[in-house]
Amino acid sequence: MTDSRPAVTVRDDQERHAFLALLDDGTEAGGAYYQRSDGVVTFTHTEVSPDLEGQGIGSALAEGALGAVRDAGEQVVAQCSFIAAYLDRHPEHQDLLAGR
């Protein structure tokens, strides 16, 4: 059985204040929107295109965005319910939470 989930690349679009989920064909599949200040990335909203929901794109987006935050040495505030739930399910990222 092969994995039919689309390949997702996550890119930080600093002008739009969003980590974007891009498919191999360049389609923008979703975004994790944020505010960034003093080494803290506050996630405010995450969305995936309705026709692409349920394909793991949101999880790939969250993983990529949190990985980029980690690589930049920043911390996270999860105002967005999707990112908050992802952090709850993935304790390996708990150390990114600001104030911990």
PDB file of N, CA and C in Angstrom:
ATOM      1  N   MET A   1       0.845  -1.185   0.000  1.00  0.00           N
ATOM      2  CA  MET A   1       0.000   0.000   0.000  1.00  0.00           C
ATOM      3  C   MET A   1       0.883   1.239   0.000  1.00  0.00           C
ATOM      4  N   THR A   2       0.585   2.171  -0.883  1.00  0.00           N
ATOM      5  CA  THR A   2       1.368   3.392  -0.963  1.00  0.00           C
ATOM      6  C   THR A   2       0.666   4.520  -0.241  1.00  0.00           C
ATOM      7  N   ASP A   3       1.446   5.468   0.220  1.00  0.00           N
ATOM      8  CA  ASP A   3       0.905   6.635   0.903  1.00  0.00           C
ATOM      9  C   ASP A   3       0.438   7.627  -0.155  1.00  0.00           C
ATOM     10  N   SER A   4      -0.851   7.940  -0.162  1.00  0.00           N
ATOM     11  CA  SER A   4      -1.394   8.841  -1.178  1.00  0.00           C
ATOM     12  C   SER A   4      -1.433  10.297  -0.711  1.00  0.00           C
ATOM     13  N   ARG A   5      -0.841  10.569   0.417  1.00  0.00           N
ATOM     14  CA  ARG A   5      -0.820  11.951   0.900  1.00  0.00           C
ATOM     15  C   ARG A   5       0.085  12.787   0.004  1.00  0.00           C
ATOM     16  N   PRO A   6      -0.329  14.017  -0.272  1.00  0.00           N
ATOM     17  CA  PRO A   6       0.510  14.873  -1.113  1.00  0.00           C
ATOM     18  C   PRO A   6       1.780  15.287  -0.375  1.00  0.00           C
ATOM     19  N   ALA A   7       2.835  15.485  -1.151  1.00  0.00           N
ATOM     20  CA  ALA A   7       4.082  16.000  -0.579  1.00  0.00           C
ATOM     21  C   ALA A   7       3.890  17.489  -0.297  1.00  0.00           C
ATOM     22  N   VAL A   8       4.304  17.906   0.883  1.00  0.00           N
ATOM     23  CA  VAL A   8       4.117  19.293   1.317  1.00  0.00           C
ATOM     24  C   VAL A   8       5.461  19.904   1.675  1.00  0.00           C
ATOM     25  N   THR A   9       5.706  21.092   1.146  1.00  0.00           N
ATOM     26  CA  THR A   9       6.863  21.894   1.528  1.00  0.00           C
ATOM     27  C   THR A   9       6.334  23.085   2.301  1.00  0.00           C
ATOM     28  N   VAL A  10       6.996  23.424   3.398  1.00  0.00           N
ATOM     29  CA  VAL A  10       6.573  24.567   4.204  1.00  0.00           C
ATOM     30  C   VAL A  10       7.585  25.687   4.019  1.00  0.00           C
ATOM     31  N   ARG A  11       7.058  26.865   3.702  1.00  0.00           N
ATOM     32  CA  ARG A  11       7.909  28.038   3.465  1.00  0.00           C
ATOM     33  C   ARG A  11       7.405  29.196   4.317  1.00  0.00           C
ATOM     34  N   ASP A  12       8.335  29.926   4.902  1.00  0.00           N
ATOM     35  CA  ASP A  12       7.989  31.099   5.705  1.00  0.00           C
ATOM     36  C   ASP A  12       7.891  32.310   4.778  1.00  0.00           C
ATOM     37  N   ASP A  13       6.694  32.822   4.602  1.00  0.00           N
ATOM     38  CA  ASP A  13       6.468  34.029   3.811  1.00  0.00           C
ATOM     39  C   ASP A  13       6.356  35.187   4.800  1.00  0.00           C
ATOM     40  N   GLN A  14       7.477  35.818   5.081  1.00  0.00           N
ATOM     41  CA  GLN A  14       7.513  36.844   6.124  1.00  0.00           C
ATOM     42  C   GLN A  14       6.691  38.076   5.761  1.00  0.00           C
ATOM     43  N   GLU A  15       6.537  38.359   4.472  1.00  0.00           N
ATOM     44  CA  GLU A  15       5.719  39.505   4.072  1.00  0.00           C
ATOM     45  C   GLU A  15       4.253  39.281   4.405  1.00  0.00           C
ATOM     46  N   ARG A  16       3.797  38.049   4.307  1.00  0.00           N
ATOM     47  CA  ARG A  16       2.397  37.717   4.616  1.00  0.00           C
ATOM     48  C   ARG A  16       2.222  37.251   6.060  1.00  0.00           C
ATOM     49  N   HIS A  17       3.323  37.146   6.794  1.00  0.00           N
ATOM     50  CA  HIS A  17       3.292  36.670   8.177  1.00  0.00           C
ATOM     51  C   HIS A  17       2.625  35.306   8.247  1.00  0.00           C
ATOM     52  N   ALA A  18       3.129  34.380   7.417  1.00  0.00           N
ATOM     53  CA  ALA A  18       2.524  33.055   7.353  1.00  0.00           C
ATOM     54  C   ALA A  18       3.548  32.012   6.925  1.00  0.00           C
ATOM     55  N   PHE A  19       3.446  30.854   7.542  1.00  0.00           N
ATOM     56  CA  PHE A  19       4.119  29.679   7.024  1.00  0.00           C
ATOM     57  C   PHE A  19       3.138  29.062   6.038  1.00  0.00           C
ATOM     58  N   LEU A  20       3.582  28.843   4.805  1.00  0.00           N
ATOM     59  CA  LEU A  20       2.698  28.343   3.761  1.00  0.00           C
ATOM     60  C   LEU A  20       2.981  26.887   3.467  1.00  0.00           C
ATOM     61  N   ALA A  21       1.919  26.124   3.264  1.00  0.00           N
ATOM     62  CA  ALA A  21       2.021  24.726   2.836  1.00  0.00           C
ATOM     63  C   ALA A  21       1.892  24.715   1.319  1.00  0.00           C
ATOM     64  N   LEU A  22       2.952  24.274   0.638  1.00  0.00           N
ATOM     65  CA  LEU A  22       2.973  24.241  -0.816  1.00  0.00           C
ATOM     66  C   LEU A  22       3.075  22.802  -1.294  1.00  0.00           C
ATOM     67  N   LEU A  23       2.242  22.450  -2.258  1.00  0.00           N
ATOM     68  CA  LEU A  23       2.301  21.121  -2.859  1.00  0.00           C
ATOM     69  C   LEU A  23       3.377  21.109  -3.944  1.00  0.00           C
ATOM     70  N   ASP A  24       3.747  19.926  -4.393  1.00  0.00           N
ATOM     71  CA  ASP A  24       4.804  19.793  -5.406  1.00  0.00           C
ATOM     72  C   ASP A  24       4.525  20.593  -6.666  1.00  0.00           C
ATOM     73  N   ASP A  25       3.254  20.750  -7.015  1.00  0.00           N
ATOM     74  CA  ASP A  25       2.922  21.487  -8.241  1.00  0.00           C
ATOM     75  C   ASP A  25       2.841  22.997  -8.008  1.00  0.00           C
ATOM     76  N   GLY A  26       3.192  23.457  -6.795  1.00  0.00           N
ATOM     77  CA  GLY A  26       3.185  24.873  -6.474  1.00  0.00           C
ATOM     78  C   GLY A  26       1.890  25.377  -5.880  1.00  0.00           C
ATOM     79  N   THR A  27       0.887  24.523  -5.797  1.00  0.00           N
ATOM     80  CA  THR A  27      -0.391  24.914  -5.209  1.00  0.00           C
ATOM     81  C   THR A  27      -0.215  25.289  -3.745  1.00  0.00           C
ATOM     82  N   GLU A  28      -0.754  26.441  -3.376  1.00  0.00           N
ATOM     83  CA  GLU A  28      -0.738  26.848  -1.974  1.00  0.00           C
ATOM     84  C   GLU A  28      -1.923  26.160  -1.297  1.00  0.00           C
ATOM     85  N   ALA A  29      -1.610  25.228  -0.407  1.00  0.00           N
ATOM     86  CA  ALA A  29      -2.641  24.391   0.198  1.00  0.00           C
ATOM     87  C   ALA A  29      -3.134  24.917   1.536  1.00  0.00           C
ATOM     88  N   GLY A  30      -2.402  25.829   2.143  1.00  0.00           N
ATOM     89  CA  GLY A  30      -2.815  26.362   3.434  1.00  0.00           C
ATOM     90  C   GLY A  30      -1.761  27.262   4.029  1.00  0.00           C
ATOM     91  N   GLY A  31      -2.087  27.785   5.195  1.00  0.00           N
ATOM     92  CA  GLY A  31      -1.153  28.674   5.869  1.00  0.00           C
ATOM     93  C   GLY A  31      -1.358  28.681   7.370  1.00  0.00           C
ATOM     94  N   ALA A  32      -0.254  28.889   8.072  1.00  0.00           N
ATOM     95  CA  ALA A  32      -0.269  29.091   9.522  1.00  0.00           C
ATOM     96  C   ALA A  32       0.180  30.532   9.741  1.00  0.00           C
ATOM     97  N   TYR A  33      -0.762  31.375  10.111  1.00  0.00           N
ATOM     98  CA  TYR A  33      -0.520  32.812  10.206  1.00  0.00           C
ATOM     99  C   TYR A  33      -0.020  33.181  11.599  1.00  0.00           C
ATOM    100  N   TYR A  34       0.848  34.179  11.638  1.00  0.00           N
ATOM    101  CA  TYR A  34       1.513  34.498  12.898  1.00  0.00           C
ATOM    102  C   TYR A  34       1.830  35.976  13.021  1.00  0.00           C
ATOM    103  N   GLN A  35       2.201  36.330  14.247  1.00  0.00           N
ATOM    104  CA  GLN A  35       2.832  37.605  14.570  1.00  0.00           C
ATOM    105  C   GLN A  35       4.168  37.243  15.188  1.00  0.00           C
ATOM    106  N   ARG A  36       5.208  37.975  14.851  1.00  0.00           N
ATOM    107  CA  ARG A  36       6.548  37.660  15.347  1.00  0.00           C
ATOM    108  C   ARG A  36       7.101  38.898  16.040  1.00  0.00           C
ATOM    109  N   SER A  37       7.586  38.697  17.278  1.00  0.00           N
ATOM    110  CA  SER A  37       8.152  39.801  18.036  1.00  0.00           C
ATOM    111  C   SER A  37       9.111  39.272  19.094  1.00  0.00           C
ATOM    112  N   ASP A  38      10.309  39.833  19.142  1.00  0.00           N
ATOM    113  CA  ASP A  38      11.287  39.527  20.186  1.00  0.00           C
ATOM    114  C   ASP A  38      11.513  38.029  20.378  1.00  0.00           C
ATOM    115  N   GLY A  39      11.668  37.306  19.275  1.00  0.00           N
ATOM    116  CA  GLY A  39      11.980  35.883  19.365  1.00  0.00           C
ATOM    117  C   GLY A  39      10.801  34.990  19.697  1.00  0.00           C
ATOM    118  N   VAL A  40       9.574  35.538  19.614  1.00  0.00           N
ATOM    119  CA  VAL A  40       8.376  34.749  19.882  1.00  0.00           C
ATOM    120  C   VAL A  40       7.469  34.809  18.658  1.00  0.00           C
ATOM    121  N   VAL A  41       7.054  33.637  18.202  1.00  0.00           N
ATOM    122  CA  VAL A  41       6.117  33.524  17.089  1.00  0.00           C
ATOM    123  C   VAL A  41       4.760  33.162  17.685  1.00  0.00           C
ATOM    124  N   THR A  42       3.799  34.067  17.544  1.00  0.00           N
ATOM    125  CA  THR A  42       2.449  33.835  18.043  1.00  0.00           C
ATOM    126  C   THR A  42       1.582  33.391  16.874  1.00  0.00           C
ATOM    127  N   PHE A  43       1.183  32.123  16.887  1.00  0.00           N
ATOM    128  CA  PHE A  43       0.312  31.604  15.830  1.00  0.00           C
ATOM    129  C   PHE A  43      -1.117  32.043  16.123  1.00  0.00           C
ATOM    130  N   THR A  44      -1.726  32.715  15.145  1.00  0.00           N
ATOM    131  CA  THR A  44      -3.060  33.277  15.336  1.00  0.00           C
ATOM    132  C   THR A  44      -4.147  32.513  14.594  1.00  0.00           C
ATOM    133  N   HIS A  45      -3.799  31.857  13.498  1.00  0.00           N
ATOM    134  CA  HIS A  45      -4.813  31.166  12.698  1.00  0.00           C
ATOM    135  C   HIS A  45      -4.112  30.207  11.736  1.00  0.00           C
ATOM    136  N   THR A  46      -4.701  29.037  11.559  1.00  0.00           N
ATOM    137  CA  THR A  46      -4.202  28.069  10.587  1.00  0.00           C
ATOM    138  C   THR A  46      -5.367  27.612   9.733  1.00  0.00           C
ATOM    139  N   GLU A  47      -5.117  27.506   8.430  1.00  0.00           N
ATOM    140  CA  GLU A  47      -6.163  27.036   7.537  1.00  0.00           C
ATOM    141  C   GLU A  47      -5.574  26.180   6.424  1.00  0.00           C
ATOM    142  N   VAL A  48      -6.394  25.240   5.963  1.00  0.00           N
ATOM    143  CA  VAL A  48      -6.071  24.396   4.819  1.00  0.00           C
ATOM    144  C   VAL A  48      -7.228  24.532   3.847  1.00  0.00           C
ATOM    145  N   SER A  49      -6.922  24.578   2.566  1.00  0.00           N
ATOM    146  CA  SER A  49      -7.969  24.670   1.546  1.00  0.00           C
ATOM    147  C   SER A  49      -9.002  23.572   1.781  1.00  0.00           C
ATOM    148  N   PRO A  50     -10.286  23.917   1.793  1.00  0.00           N
ATOM    149  CA  PRO A  50     -11.333  22.938   2.097  1.00  0.00           C
ATOM    150  C   PRO A  50     -11.275  21.676   1.235  1.00  0.00           C
ATOM    151  N   ASP A  51     -10.909  21.820  -0.037  1.00  0.00           N
ATOM    152  CA  ASP A  51     -10.855  20.651  -0.912  1.00  0.00           C
ATOM    153  C   ASP A  51      -9.648  19.758  -0.650  1.00  0.00           C
ATOM    154  N   LEU A  52      -8.752  20.192   0.244  1.00  0.00           N
ATOM    155  CA  LEU A  52      -7.559  19.411   0.571  1.00  0.00           C
ATOM    156  C   LEU A  52      -7.534  18.944   2.023  1.00  0.00           C
ATOM    157  N   GLU A  53      -8.590  19.247   2.770  1.00  0.00           N
ATOM    158  CA  GLU A  53      -8.630  18.842   4.177  1.00  0.00           C
ATOM    159  C   GLU A  53      -8.635  17.322   4.309  1.00  0.00           C
ATOM    160  N   GLY A  54      -8.123  16.847   5.433  1.00  0.00           N
ATOM    161  CA  GLY A  54      -8.133  15.419   5.725  1.00  0.00           C
ATOM    162  C   GLY A  54      -7.034  14.632   5.046  1.00  0.00           C
ATOM    163  N   GLN A  55      -6.048  15.331   4.475  1.00  0.00           N
ATOM    164  CA  GLN A  55      -4.964  14.670   3.769  1.00  0.00           C
ATOM    165  C   GLN A  55      -3.619  14.813   4.472  1.00  0.00           C
ATOM    166  N   GLY A  56      -3.636  15.311   5.711  1.00  0.00           N
ATOM    167  CA  GLY A  56      -2.403  15.459   6.476  1.00  0.00           C
ATOM    168  C   GLY A  56      -1.651  16.739   6.203  1.00  0.00           C
ATOM    169  N   ILE A  57      -2.238  17.634   5.408  1.00  0.00           N
ATOM    170  CA  ILE A  57      -1.552  18.875   5.064  1.00  0.00           C
ATOM    171  C   ILE A  57      -1.404  19.778   6.284  1.00  0.00           C
ATOM    172  N   GLY A  58      -2.446  19.870   7.104  1.00  0.00           N
ATOM    173  CA  GLY A  58      -2.370  20.697   8.309  1.00  0.00           C
ATOM    174  C   GLY A  58      -1.282  20.224   9.251  1.00  0.00           C
ATOM    175  N   SER A  59      -1.173  18.908   9.424  1.00  0.00           N
ATOM    176  CA  SER A  59      -0.123  18.362  10.298  1.00  0.00           C
ATOM    177  C   SER A  59       1.254  18.623   9.726  1.00  0.00           C
ATOM    178  N   ALA A  60       1.409  18.469   8.414  1.00  0.00           N
ATOM    179  CA  ALA A  60       2.704  18.748   7.778  1.00  0.00           C
ATOM    180  C   ALA A  60       3.048  20.231   7.917  1.00  0.00           C
ATOM    181  N   LEU A  61       2.031  21.084   7.798  1.00  0.00           N
ATOM    182  CA  LEU A  61       2.231  22.519   7.950  1.00  0.00           C
ATOM    183  C   LEU A  61       2.669  22.854   9.368  1.00  0.00           C
ATOM    184  N   ALA A  62       1.982  22.302  10.358  1.00  0.00           N
ATOM    185  CA  ALA A  62       2.349  22.557  11.754  1.00  0.00           C
ATOM    186  C   ALA A  62       3.761  22.058  12.038  1.00  0.00           C
ATOM    187  N   GLU A  63       4.082  20.858  11.587  1.00  0.00           N
ATOM    188  CA  GLU A  63       5.414  20.289  11.818  1.00  0.00           C
ATOM    189  C   GLU A  63       6.498  21.161  11.181  1.00  0.00           C
ATOM    190  N   GLY A  64       6.263  21.573   9.943  1.00  0.00           N
ATOM    191  CA  GLY A  64       7.249  22.414   9.255  1.00  0.00           C
ATOM    192  C   GLY A  64       7.402  23.776   9.895  1.00  0.00           C
ATOM    193  N   ALA A  65       6.287  24.387  10.288  1.00  0.00           N
ATOM    194  CA  ALA A  65       6.343  25.703  10.916  1.00  0.00           C
ATOM    195  C   ALA A  65       7.068  25.636  12.258  1.00  0.00           C
ATOM    196  N   LEU A  66       6.737  24.626  13.059  1.00  0.00           N
ATOM    197  CA  LEU A  66       7.397  24.490  14.365  1.00  0.00           C
ATOM    198  C   LEU A  66       8.880  24.160  14.193  1.00  0.00           C
ATOM    199  N   GLY A  67       9.214  23.395  13.184  1.00  0.00           N
ATOM    200  CA  GLY A  67      10.621  23.106  12.901  1.00  0.00           C
ATOM    201  C   GLY A  67      11.385  24.371  12.531  1.00  0.00           C
ATOM    202  N   ALA A  68      10.760  25.235  11.744  1.00  0.00           N
ATOM    203  CA  ALA A  68      11.400  26.498  11.362  1.00  0.00           C
ATOM    204  C   ALA A  68      11.581  27.408  12.572  1.00  0.00           C
ATOM    205  N   VAL A  69      10.578  27.433  13.443  1.00  0.00           N
ATOM    206  CA  VAL A  69      10.686  28.219  14.682  1.00  0.00           C
ATOM    207  C   VAL A  69      11.847  27.692  15.519  1.00  0.00           C
ATOM    208  N   ARG A  70      11.929  26.382  15.653  1.00  0.00           N
ATOM    209  CA  ARG A  70      13.032  25.775  16.415  1.00  0.00           C
ATOM    210  C   ARG A  70      14.385  26.140  15.805  1.00  0.00           C
ATOM    211  N   ASP A  71      14.490  25.998  14.475  1.00  0.00           N
ATOM    212  CA  ASP A  71      15.757  26.290  13.790  1.00  0.00           C
ATOM    213  C   ASP A  71      16.188  27.742  13.974  1.00  0.00           C
ATOM    214  N   ALA A  72      15.206  28.650  14.100  1.00  0.00           N
ATOM    215  CA  ALA A  72      15.505  30.072  14.288  1.00  0.00           C
ATOM    216  C   ALA A  72      15.786  30.421  15.746  1.00  0.00           C
ATOM    217  N   GLY A  73      15.648  29.443  16.654  1.00  0.00           N
ATOM    218  CA  GLY A  73      15.886  29.696  18.069  1.00  0.00           C
ATOM    219  C   GLY A  73      14.787  30.519  18.717  1.00  0.00           C
ATOM    220  N   GLU A  74      13.595  30.460  18.134  1.00  0.00           N
ATOM    221  CA  GLU A  74      12.472  31.238  18.659  1.00  0.00           C
ATOM    222  C   GLU A  74      11.566  30.353  19.514  1.00  0.00           C
ATOM    223  N   GLN A  75      10.581  30.997  20.127  1.00  0.00           N
ATOM    224  CA  GLN A  75       9.586  30.295  20.929  1.00  0.00           C
ATOM    225  C   GLN A  75       8.204  30.537  20.341  1.00  0.00           C
ATOM    226  N   VAL A  76       7.204  29.836  20.886  1.00  0.00           N
ATOM    227  CA  VAL A  76       5.867  29.839  20.319  1.00  0.00           C
ATOM    228  C   VAL A  76       4.829  30.218  21.369  1.00  0.00           C
ATOM    229  N   VAL A  77       3.834  30.978  20.935  1.00  0.00           N
ATOM    230  CA  VAL A  77       2.582  31.155  21.656  1.00  0.00           C
ATOM    231  C   VAL A  77       1.502  30.651  20.706  1.00  0.00           C
ATOM    232  N   ALA A  78       0.683  29.731  21.175  1.00  0.00           N
ATOM    233  CA  ALA A  78      -0.329  29.101  20.318  1.00  0.00           C
ATOM    234  C   ALA A  78      -1.711  29.662  20.617  1.00  0.00           C
ATOM    235  N   GLN A  79      -2.046  30.812  20.020  1.00  0.00           N
ATOM    236  CA  GLN A  79      -3.406  31.345  20.122  1.00  0.00           C
ATOM    237  C   GLN A  79      -4.336  30.579  19.193  1.00  0.00           C
ATOM    238  N   CYS A  80      -3.788  30.012  18.142  1.00  0.00           N
ATOM    239  CA  CYS A  80      -4.546  29.236  17.167  1.00  0.00           C
ATOM    240  C   CYS A  80      -4.877  27.859  17.748  1.00  0.00           C
ATOM    241  N   SER A  81      -6.143  27.486  17.693  1.00  0.00           N
ATOM    242  CA  SER A  81      -6.558  26.212  18.282  1.00  0.00           C
ATOM    243  C   SER A  81      -5.930  25.006  17.581  1.00  0.00           C
ATOM    244  N   PHE A  82      -5.686  25.100  16.276  1.00  0.00           N
ATOM    245  CA  PHE A  82      -5.080  23.977  15.563  1.00  0.00           C
ATOM    246  C   PHE A  82      -3.643  23.750  16.034  1.00  0.00           C
ATOM    247  N   ILE A  83      -2.857  24.820  16.103  1.00  0.00           N
ATOM    248  CA  ILE A  83      -1.463  24.692  16.559  1.00  0.00           C
ATOM    249  C   ILE A  83      -1.444  24.252  18.019  1.00  0.00           C
ATOM    250  N   ALA A  84      -2.333  24.777  18.850  1.00  0.00           N
ATOM    251  CA  ALA A  84      -2.393  24.367  20.261  1.00  0.00           C
ATOM    252  C   ALA A  84      -2.674  22.871  20.370  1.00  0.00           C
ATOM    253  N   ALA A  85      -3.631  22.378  19.591  1.00  0.00           N
ATOM    254  CA  ALA A  85      -3.965  20.946  19.628  1.00  0.00           C
ATOM    255  C   ALA A  85      -2.807  20.106  19.106  1.00  0.00           C
ATOM    256  N   TYR A  86      -2.127  20.596  18.080  1.00  0.00           N
ATOM    257  CA  TYR A  86      -0.973  19.867  17.542  1.00  0.00           C
ATOM    258  C   TYR A  86       0.119  19.758  18.612  1.00  0.00           C
ATOM    259  N   LEU A  87       0.368  20.854  19.309  1.00  0.00           N
ATOM    260  CA  LEU A  87       1.370  20.836  20.385  1.00  0.00           C
ATOM    261  C   LEU A  87       0.971  19.874  21.491  1.00  0.00           C
ATOM    262  N   ASP A  88      -0.301  19.805  21.815  1.00  0.00           N
ATOM    263  CA  ASP A  88      -0.773  18.874  22.843  1.00  0.00           C
ATOM    264  C   ASP A  88      -0.516  17.422  22.434  1.00  0.00           C
ATOM    265  N   ARG A  89      -0.676  17.133  21.147  1.00  0.00           N
ATOM    266  CA  ARG A  89      -0.488  15.764  20.649  1.00  0.00           C
ATOM    267  C   ARG A  89       0.973  15.412  20.375  1.00  0.00           C
ATOM    268  N   HIS A  90       1.848  16.429  20.353  1.00  0.00           N
ATOM    269  CA  HIS A  90       3.257  16.205  20.013  1.00  0.00           C
ATOM    270  C   HIS A  90       4.155  16.817  21.089  1.00  0.00           C
ATOM    271  N   PRO A  91       4.337  16.094  22.186  1.00  0.00           N
ATOM    272  CA  PRO A  91       5.108  16.643  23.305  1.00  0.00           C
ATOM    273  C   PRO A  91       6.562  16.974  22.958  1.00  0.00           C
ATOM    274  N   GLU A  92       7.062  16.459  21.866  1.00  0.00           N
ATOM    275  CA  GLU A  92       8.439  16.773  21.475  1.00  0.00           C
ATOM    276  C   GLU A  92       8.613  18.259  21.129  1.00  0.00           C
ATOM    277  N   HIS A  93       7.502  18.969  20.965  1.00  0.00           N
ATOM    278  CA  HIS A  93       7.567  20.405  20.662  1.00  0.00           C
ATOM    279  C   HIS A  93       7.213  21.285  21.862  1.00  0.00           C
ATOM    280  N   GLN A  94       6.896  20.683  22.995  1.00  0.00           N
ATOM    281  CA  GLN A  94       6.484  21.450  24.169  1.00  0.00           C
ATOM    282  C   GLN A  94       7.543  22.456  24.620  1.00  0.00           C
ATOM    283  N   ASP A  95       8.815  22.135  24.383  1.00  0.00           N
ATOM    284  CA  ASP A  95       9.887  23.039  24.803  1.00  0.00           C
ATOM    285  C   ASP A  95       9.880  24.352  24.034  1.00  0.00           C
ATOM    286  N   LEU A  96       9.137  24.419  22.923  1.00  0.00           N
ATOM    287  CA  LEU A  96       9.057  25.662  22.155  1.00  0.00           C
ATOM    288  C   LEU A  96       8.111  26.681  22.761  1.00  0.00           C
ATOM    289  N   LEU A  97       7.244  26.237  23.659  1.00  0.00           N
ATOM    290  CA  LEU A  97       6.247  27.140  24.224  1.00  0.00           C
ATOM    291  C   LEU A  97       6.889  28.230  25.073  1.00  0.00           C
ATOM    292  N   ALA A  98       6.562  29.457  24.773  1.00  0.00           N
ATOM    293  CA  ALA A  98       7.094  30.592  25.528  1.00  0.00           C
ATOM    294  C   ALA A  98       6.600  30.526  26.970  1.00  0.00           C
ATOM    295  N   GLY A  99       7.465  30.871  27.890  1.00  0.00           N
ATOM    296  CA  GLY A  99       7.098  30.894  29.300  1.00  0.00           C
ATOM    297  C   GLY A  99       7.228  29.569  30.012  1.00  0.00           C
ATOM    298  N   ARG A 100       7.773  28.579  29.334  1.00  0.00           N
ATOM    299  CA  ARG A 100       7.947  27.269  29.989  1.00  0.00           C
ATOM    300  C   ARG A 100       9.358  27.094  30.441  1.00  0.00           C
TER     301      ARG A 100
END
